[in-house]
Amino acid sequence: MAPDDPDTDLDAAVAEFLDAAERVYDEYDDGYVDADSALSLLGDHVSTLRDAHEDE
């Protein structure tokens, strides 16, 4: 894929989402955030990913 390929941007957004989601799960498992906060954070990350997909 070429660097200016929209799929590259989407791939990067997916990778970023997966990393962010993993951090949320880790923080929840470690007791740093409660369930409501974890769901809110995941919702924010889903919105960011959705925006990247729609911009494709």
N, C-alpha and C. Protein backbone atom coordinates (compact mmCIF):
# COMPACT_ATOMS: atom_id res chain seq x y z
N MET A 1 0.83 -1.18 0.00
CA MET A 1 0.00 0.00 0.00
C MET A 1 0.88 1.25 0.00
N ALA A 2 0.47 2.22 -0.76
CA ALA A 2 1.18 3.48 -0.82
C ALA A 2 0.88 4.30 0.43
N PRO A 3 1.81 5.17 0.85
CA PRO A 3 1.59 5.97 2.06
C PRO A 3 0.36 6.86 1.99
N ASP A 4 -0.04 7.30 0.77
CA ASP A 4 -1.21 8.15 0.67
C ASP A 4 -2.49 7.36 0.42
N ASP A 5 -2.41 6.06 0.52
CA ASP A 5 -3.55 5.17 0.33
C ASP A 5 -4.50 5.30 1.52
N PRO A 6 -5.80 5.55 1.28
CA PRO A 6 -6.76 5.65 2.40
C PRO A 6 -6.79 4.40 3.27
N ASP A 7 -6.51 3.23 2.67
CA ASP A 7 -6.48 2.00 3.47
C ASP A 7 -5.39 2.06 4.52
N THR A 8 -4.29 2.73 4.21
CA THR A 8 -3.20 2.88 5.16
C THR A 8 -3.67 3.68 6.37
N ASP A 9 -4.41 4.77 6.10
CA ASP A 9 -4.95 5.58 7.19
C ASP A 9 -5.92 4.78 8.04
N LEU A 10 -6.77 4.01 7.40
CA LEU A 10 -7.73 3.20 8.13
C LEU A 10 -7.02 2.11 8.93
N ASP A 11 -6.01 1.50 8.34
CA ASP A 11 -5.23 0.49 9.06
C ASP A 11 -4.60 1.09 10.31
N ALA A 12 -4.08 2.30 10.18
CA ALA A 12 -3.47 2.98 11.32
C ALA A 12 -4.52 3.29 12.37
N ALA A 13 -5.71 3.71 11.94
CA ALA A 13 -6.80 4.01 12.88
C ALA A 13 -7.25 2.75 13.62
N VAL A 14 -7.30 1.63 12.91
CA VAL A 14 -7.68 0.36 13.55
C VAL A 14 -6.62 -0.05 14.57
N ALA A 15 -5.36 0.06 14.21
CA ALA A 15 -4.28 -0.29 15.12
C ALA A 15 -4.31 0.61 16.36
N GLU A 16 -4.56 1.90 16.15
CA GLU A 16 -4.65 2.84 17.27
C GLU A 16 -5.83 2.49 18.17
N PHE A 17 -6.98 2.14 17.56
CA PHE A 17 -8.15 1.75 18.32
C PHE A 17 -7.85 0.52 19.18
N LEU A 18 -7.24 -0.48 18.58
CA LEU A 18 -6.95 -1.72 19.32
C LEU A 18 -6.02 -1.45 20.50
N ASP A 19 -5.01 -0.61 20.29
CA ASP A 19 -4.10 -0.25 21.39
C ASP A 19 -4.85 0.49 22.49
N ALA A 20 -5.70 1.45 22.09
CA ALA A 20 -6.45 2.23 23.07
C ALA A 20 -7.44 1.36 23.83
N ALA A 21 -8.11 0.46 23.13
CA ALA A 21 -9.06 -0.44 23.78
C ALA A 21 -8.34 -1.35 24.77
N GLU A 22 -7.20 -1.84 24.39
CA GLU A 22 -6.41 -2.70 25.29
C GLU A 22 -6.01 -1.94 26.55
N ARG A 23 -5.64 -0.65 26.40
CA ARG A 23 -5.29 0.16 27.57
C ARG A 23 -6.50 0.31 28.49
N VAL A 24 -7.69 0.52 27.91
CA VAL A 24 -8.90 0.65 28.73
C VAL A 24 -9.14 -0.65 29.51
N TYR A 25 -9.04 -1.78 28.84
CA TYR A 25 -9.24 -3.06 29.53
C TYR A 25 -8.21 -3.25 30.64
N ASP A 26 -6.97 -2.90 30.35
CA ASP A 26 -5.92 -3.03 31.37
C ASP A 26 -6.19 -2.13 32.57
N GLU A 27 -6.58 -0.88 32.30
CA GLU A 27 -6.87 0.04 33.39
C GLU A 27 -8.06 -0.44 34.22
N TYR A 28 -9.05 -1.01 33.55
CA TYR A 28 -10.20 -1.55 34.27
C TYR A 28 -9.77 -2.75 35.13
N ASP A 29 -9.02 -3.65 34.53
CA ASP A 29 -8.56 -4.83 35.26
C ASP A 29 -7.69 -4.46 36.46
N ASP A 30 -6.92 -3.37 36.33
CA ASP A 30 -6.05 -2.93 37.41
C ASP A 30 -6.78 -2.07 38.45
N GLY A 31 -8.07 -1.79 38.19
CA GLY A 31 -8.87 -1.04 39.14
C GLY A 31 -8.72 0.47 39.04
N TYR A 32 -8.12 0.96 37.96
CA TYR A 32 -7.93 2.41 37.81
C TYR A 32 -9.19 3.12 37.34
N VAL A 33 -10.08 2.43 36.65
CA VAL A 33 -11.34 3.02 36.19
C VAL A 33 -12.47 2.05 36.51
N ASP A 34 -13.65 2.63 36.74
CA ASP A 34 -14.82 1.77 36.98
C ASP A 34 -15.45 1.40 35.65
N ALA A 35 -16.47 0.56 35.71
CA ALA A 35 -17.10 0.05 34.48
C ALA A 35 -17.69 1.16 33.64
N ASP A 36 -18.37 2.13 34.27
CA ASP A 36 -18.98 3.22 33.51
C ASP A 36 -17.92 4.04 32.78
N SER A 37 -16.82 4.33 33.46
CA SER A 37 -15.75 5.10 32.83
C SER A 37 -15.10 4.31 31.70
N ALA A 38 -14.93 3.01 31.90
CA ALA A 38 -14.32 2.17 30.86
C ALA A 38 -15.21 2.15 29.62
N LEU A 39 -16.52 2.01 29.82
CA LEU A 39 -17.43 2.02 28.68
C LEU A 39 -17.43 3.37 27.97
N SER A 40 -17.36 4.43 28.73
CA SER A 40 -17.31 5.76 28.14
C SER A 40 -16.04 5.94 27.30
N LEU A 41 -14.91 5.50 27.84
CA LEU A 41 -13.65 5.58 27.09
C LEU A 41 -13.70 4.74 25.82
N LEU A 42 -14.23 3.53 25.95
CA LEU A 42 -14.34 2.69 24.75
C LEU A 42 -15.27 3.33 23.72
N GLY A 43 -16.34 3.95 24.18
CA GLY A 43 -17.25 4.64 23.27
C GLY A 43 -16.54 5.77 22.53
N ASP A 44 -15.70 6.50 23.24
CA ASP A 44 -14.92 7.57 22.60
C ASP A 44 -14.00 6.99 21.52
N HIS A 45 -13.37 5.87 21.84
CA HIS A 45 -12.45 5.24 20.87
C HIS A 45 -13.21 4.70 19.66
N VAL A 46 -14.39 4.16 19.89
CA VAL A 46 -15.23 3.68 18.78
C VAL A 46 -15.62 4.85 17.88
N SER A 47 -15.98 5.97 18.48
CA SER A 47 -16.34 7.15 17.69
C SER A 47 -15.18 7.63 16.84
N THR A 48 -13.99 7.61 17.39
CA THR A 48 -12.80 8.02 16.66
C THR A 48 -12.56 7.07 15.48
N LEU A 49 -12.71 5.79 15.74
CA LEU A 49 -12.54 4.80 14.67
C LEU A 49 -13.62 4.96 13.59
N ARG A 50 -14.84 5.18 14.01
CA ARG A 50 -15.95 5.38 13.06
C ARG A 50 -15.67 6.61 12.18
N ASP A 51 -15.19 7.70 12.80
CA ASP A 51 -14.86 8.91 12.03
C ASP A 51 -13.78 8.63 11.01
N ALA A 52 -12.77 7.85 11.38
CA ALA A 52 -11.70 7.51 10.45
C ALA A 52 -12.25 6.70 9.30
N HIS A 53 -13.17 5.79 9.59
CA HIS A 53 -13.77 4.96 8.54
C HIS A 53 -14.62 5.80 7.59
N GLU A 54 -15.39 6.73 8.16
CA GLU A 54 -16.25 7.56 7.33
C GLU A 54 -15.46 8.55 6.50
N ASP A 55 -14.27 8.94 6.96
CA ASP A 55 -13.41 9.86 6.21
C ASP A 55 -12.69 9.16 5.08
N GLU A 56 -12.71 7.84 5.08
CA GLU A 56 -11.99 7.03 4.08
C GLU A 56 -12.45 7.31 2.69
